[in-house]
Amino acid sequence: MKKIKQLFSDSLHEFTVTKNLVLCGLMAAIAIVLSMVASISIGPYVKIGFSGIPNRIVEFLFGPVVGCIFGGALDLLKFMIKPDGPFFFGFTFNVMLAGLIYGCLLYHKPLSIKRIVIAEFLVKLIVNCGLNTLWISMLYGKAFFVLLPMRLLKNVIMLPIDSAIVFFALSLTKQTVGRLGFSLISAKKLSAKES
């Protein structure tokens, strides 16, 4: 319990570092561009894209609190810039919940493919297959169990692909961010753990 409280406290403290806020702004801009040019819709209920990579970077560097708030704010901003169907707060909640999950599993932790696969699996199971399918079912009047098989298949296929992409992106981020002087709290604690 003490570790979890410290994790959330450290993540909240990341908001007080100006460079971290600047990096969040840059990641938001990249995410918006990626959502407009690098996403593919497969039918009305399945969408594949790369705009989540900046979210994973923010969650890895700054933790669950920043990841949750960043994800929610970014989801609202994306909707205002390019509405894609009706606004429904359930989808914003999902992005925030995913930010909490990724942030809790990746922040202050050594980077490993196993940890990323676990985070991806939990988000795909709870958020993508569970809650997203429920919200789509409620919004469009489709039966939950009719939508579920196609969404399960997409998430099973994407699990290893997304895990590899996130691992590569976070490995590159870890190497780059220290040189640029952005991450202060997480980089110091991560270096201390790996020593």
Protein backbone atom coordinates (compact mmCIF):
# COMPACT_ATOMS: atom_id res chain seq x y z
CA MET A 1 0.00 0.00 0.00
CA LYS A 2 2.85 2.35 0.87
CA LYS A 3 4.52 1.67 -2.50
CA ILE A 4 1.31 2.43 -4.38
CA LYS A 5 0.83 5.67 -2.44
CA GLN A 6 4.44 6.66 -3.21
CA LEU A 7 3.98 5.76 -6.88
CA PHE A 8 0.95 8.04 -7.17
CA SER A 9 2.64 10.79 -5.15
CA ASP A 10 5.74 10.71 -7.38
CA SER A 11 3.57 10.73 -10.49
CA LEU A 12 1.59 13.72 -9.22
CA HIS A 13 4.89 15.52 -8.48
CA GLU A 14 5.89 15.11 -12.16
CA PHE A 15 3.36 17.87 -12.93
CA THR A 16 5.54 20.38 -11.05
CA VAL A 17 8.45 20.00 -13.52
CA THR A 18 8.10 22.43 -16.42
CA LYS A 19 10.14 20.29 -18.83
CA ASN A 20 7.78 17.39 -18.20
CA LEU A 21 4.77 19.54 -19.09
CA VAL A 22 6.55 20.64 -22.28
CA LEU A 23 7.20 17.01 -23.20
CA CYS A 24 3.53 16.17 -22.52
CA GLY A 25 2.54 18.98 -24.90
CA LEU A 26 4.86 17.63 -27.59
CA MET A 27 3.51 14.11 -27.11
CA ALA A 28 -0.07 15.43 -27.38
CA ALA A 29 0.77 17.15 -30.68
CA ILE A 30 2.36 13.95 -32.05
CA ALA A 31 -0.66 11.89 -30.90
CA ILE A 32 -3.09 14.23 -32.67
CA VAL A 33 -1.10 14.07 -35.92
CA LEU A 34 -0.85 10.27 -35.70
CA SER A 35 -4.60 9.94 -35.05
CA MET A 36 -5.31 11.89 -38.24
CA VAL A 37 -2.81 10.28 -40.60
CA ALA A 38 -1.91 6.87 -39.14
CA SER A 39 -5.19 5.14 -38.29
CA ILE A 40 -7.16 2.54 -40.21
CA SER A 41 -10.84 1.77 -39.66
CA ILE A 42 -11.94 -1.83 -40.21
CA GLY A 43 -15.70 -1.53 -40.30
CA PRO A 44 -17.58 0.83 -38.00
CA TYR A 45 -16.52 -0.81 -34.71
CA VAL A 46 -12.79 -1.62 -35.11
CA LYS A 47 -10.01 0.95 -35.52
CA ILE A 48 -6.25 0.35 -35.62
CA GLY A 49 -3.85 3.25 -35.10
CA PHE A 50 -0.56 4.43 -33.66
CA SER A 51 -1.73 7.50 -31.76
CA GLY A 52 -1.45 5.60 -28.45
CA ILE A 53 2.37 5.49 -28.59
CA PRO A 54 2.79 9.03 -27.20
CA ASN A 55 0.43 8.04 -24.36
CA ARG A 56 2.64 5.04 -23.52
CA ILE A 57 5.71 7.30 -23.45
CA VAL A 58 4.01 9.74 -21.05
CA GLU A 59 2.80 6.89 -18.82
CA PHE A 60 6.26 5.30 -18.76
CA LEU A 61 8.04 8.56 -17.93
CA PHE A 62 5.54 10.27 -15.64
CA GLY A 63 3.34 7.56 -14.11
CA PRO A 64 -0.32 6.76 -13.56
CA VAL A 65 -1.59 10.18 -12.43
CA VAL A 66 -0.06 12.08 -15.35
CA GLY A 67 -0.94 9.23 -17.73
CA CYS A 68 -4.57 9.26 -16.63
CA ILE A 69 -4.99 13.04 -16.88
CA PHE A 70 -2.97 13.26 -20.10
CA GLY A 71 -5.07 10.52 -21.71
CA GLY A 72 -8.38 12.06 -20.71
CA ALA A 73 -7.43 15.59 -21.81
CA LEU A 74 -5.98 14.30 -25.08
CA ASP A 75 -9.11 12.27 -25.84
CA LEU A 76 -11.28 15.37 -25.38
CA LEU A 77 -8.91 17.45 -27.51
CA LYS A 78 -8.88 14.86 -30.32
CA PHE A 79 -12.67 14.78 -30.29
CA MET A 80 -12.89 18.58 -30.51
CA ILE A 81 -10.43 18.69 -33.42
CA LYS A 82 -11.82 15.72 -35.36
CA PRO A 83 -15.10 14.26 -34.05
CA ASP A 84 -15.37 10.57 -34.90
CA GLY A 85 -18.93 9.62 -34.06
CA PRO A 86 -20.91 10.85 -31.06
CA PHE A 87 -19.09 11.94 -27.90
CA PHE A 88 -19.44 9.44 -25.09
CA PHE A 89 -17.58 9.85 -21.79
CA GLY A 90 -17.16 6.08 -21.48
CA PHE A 91 -14.42 6.17 -24.14
CA THR A 92 -12.64 9.00 -22.32
CA PHE A 93 -12.89 6.99 -19.10
CA ASN A 94 -11.33 4.02 -20.93
CA VAL A 95 -8.32 6.07 -22.02
CA MET A 96 -7.88 7.33 -18.47
CA LEU A 97 -8.15 3.80 -17.04
CA ALA A 98 -5.60 2.55 -19.59
CA GLY A 99 -3.28 5.39 -18.49
CA LEU A 100 -3.59 4.21 -14.89
CA ILE A 101 -2.86 0.60 -15.81
CA TYR A 102 0.15 1.37 -18.00
CA GLY A 103 1.43 3.97 -15.54
CA CYS A 104 1.22 1.59 -12.57
CA LEU A 105 3.02 -1.20 -14.44
CA LEU A 106 5.70 0.84 -16.25
CA TYR A 107 6.55 3.88 -14.09
CA HIS A 108 9.66 3.50 -11.87
CA LYS A 109 10.09 -0.05 -13.20
CA PRO A 110 12.88 -1.55 -15.31
CA LEU A 111 11.79 -1.77 -18.94
CA SER A 112 11.08 -5.37 -19.98
CA ILE A 113 9.06 -7.01 -22.73
CA LYS A 114 7.31 -9.19 -20.09
CA ARG A 115 6.06 -6.12 -18.19
CA ILE A 116 4.85 -4.51 -21.42
CA VAL A 117 3.02 -7.69 -22.52
CA ILE A 118 1.27 -7.86 -19.12
CA ALA A 119 0.22 -4.19 -19.37
CA GLU A 120 -0.96 -4.64 -22.96
CA PHE A 121 -2.87 -7.81 -22.05
CA LEU A 122 -4.67 -6.17 -19.11
CA VAL A 123 -5.65 -3.11 -21.16
CA LYS A 124 -6.79 -5.20 -24.10
CA LEU A 125 -8.85 -7.49 -21.86
CA ILE A 126 -10.39 -4.96 -19.45
CA VAL A 127 -10.58 -1.82 -21.57
CA ASN A 128 -10.67 -2.85 -25.23
CA CYS A 129 -12.64 -6.10 -25.08
CA GLY A 130 -14.65 -5.38 -21.93
CA LEU A 131 -15.53 -1.72 -21.54
CA ASN A 132 -15.13 -0.55 -25.16
CA THR A 133 -17.34 -3.36 -26.40
CA LEU A 134 -19.91 -2.51 -23.73
CA TRP A 135 -19.94 1.18 -24.70
CA ILE A 136 -20.25 0.36 -28.43
CA SER A 137 -23.07 -2.05 -27.62
CA MET A 138 -24.90 0.64 -25.65
CA LEU A 139 -24.34 3.38 -28.24
CA TYR A 140 -25.22 1.46 -31.38
CA GLY A 141 -27.74 -1.03 -30.03
CA LYS A 142 -25.68 -4.07 -31.03
CA ALA A 143 -25.57 -7.12 -28.79
CA PHE A 144 -22.39 -7.27 -26.66
CA PHE A 145 -21.70 -10.91 -27.54
CA VAL A 146 -22.18 -10.24 -31.27
CA LEU A 147 -19.47 -7.55 -31.22
CA LEU A 148 -17.12 -9.38 -28.86
CA PRO A 149 -15.67 -12.11 -31.18
CA MET A 150 -14.39 -9.64 -33.81
CA ARG A 151 -12.97 -7.36 -31.12
CA LEU A 152 -11.34 -10.30 -29.30
CA LEU A 153 -9.74 -11.50 -32.53
CA LYS A 154 -8.38 -8.02 -33.31
CA ASN A 155 -6.91 -7.68 -29.80
CA VAL A 156 -5.37 -11.17 -29.82
CA ILE A 157 -3.70 -10.39 -33.16
CA MET A 158 -2.56 -6.94 -32.01
CA LEU A 159 -1.17 -8.05 -28.60
CA PRO A 160 2.28 -9.15 -29.82
CA ILE A 161 2.44 -6.39 -32.45
CA ASP A 162 1.53 -3.62 -30.00
CA SER A 163 3.85 -5.07 -27.34
CA ALA A 164 6.80 -5.04 -29.76
CA ILE A 165 6.02 -1.49 -30.94
CA VAL A 166 5.68 -0.18 -27.37
CA PHE A 167 8.88 -1.96 -26.26
CA PHE A 168 10.81 -0.43 -29.17
CA ALA A 169 9.31 3.04 -28.58
CA LEU A 170 10.01 2.99 -24.83
CA SER A 171 13.55 1.64 -25.32
CA LEU A 172 14.25 4.51 -27.71
CA THR A 173 12.59 6.96 -25.32
CA LYS A 174 14.67 5.74 -22.39
CA GLN A 175 17.89 6.28 -24.36
CA THR A 176 16.86 9.68 -25.71
CA VAL A 177 15.02 11.40 -22.87
CA GLY A 178 17.97 11.46 -20.44
CA ARG A 179 20.14 13.22 -23.02
CA LEU A 180 17.47 15.86 -23.57
CA GLY A 181 17.03 16.49 -19.82
CA PHE A 182 13.27 15.93 -19.73
CA SER A 183 12.72 13.21 -17.16
CA LEU A 184 13.95 14.12 -13.71
CA ILE A 185 12.22 11.96 -11.11
CA SER A 186 11.62 8.76 -13.06
CA ALA A 187 15.05 8.67 -14.74
CA LYS A 188 16.91 9.07 -11.42
CA LYS A 189 14.87 6.38 -9.64
CA LEU A 190 15.06 3.99 -12.60
CA SER A 191 18.85 4.43 -12.84
CA ALA A 192 19.19 3.78 -9.11
CA LYS A 193 17.12 0.57 -9.38
CA GLU A 194 19.12 -0.75 -12.32
CA SER A 195 22.51 -0.04 -10.67
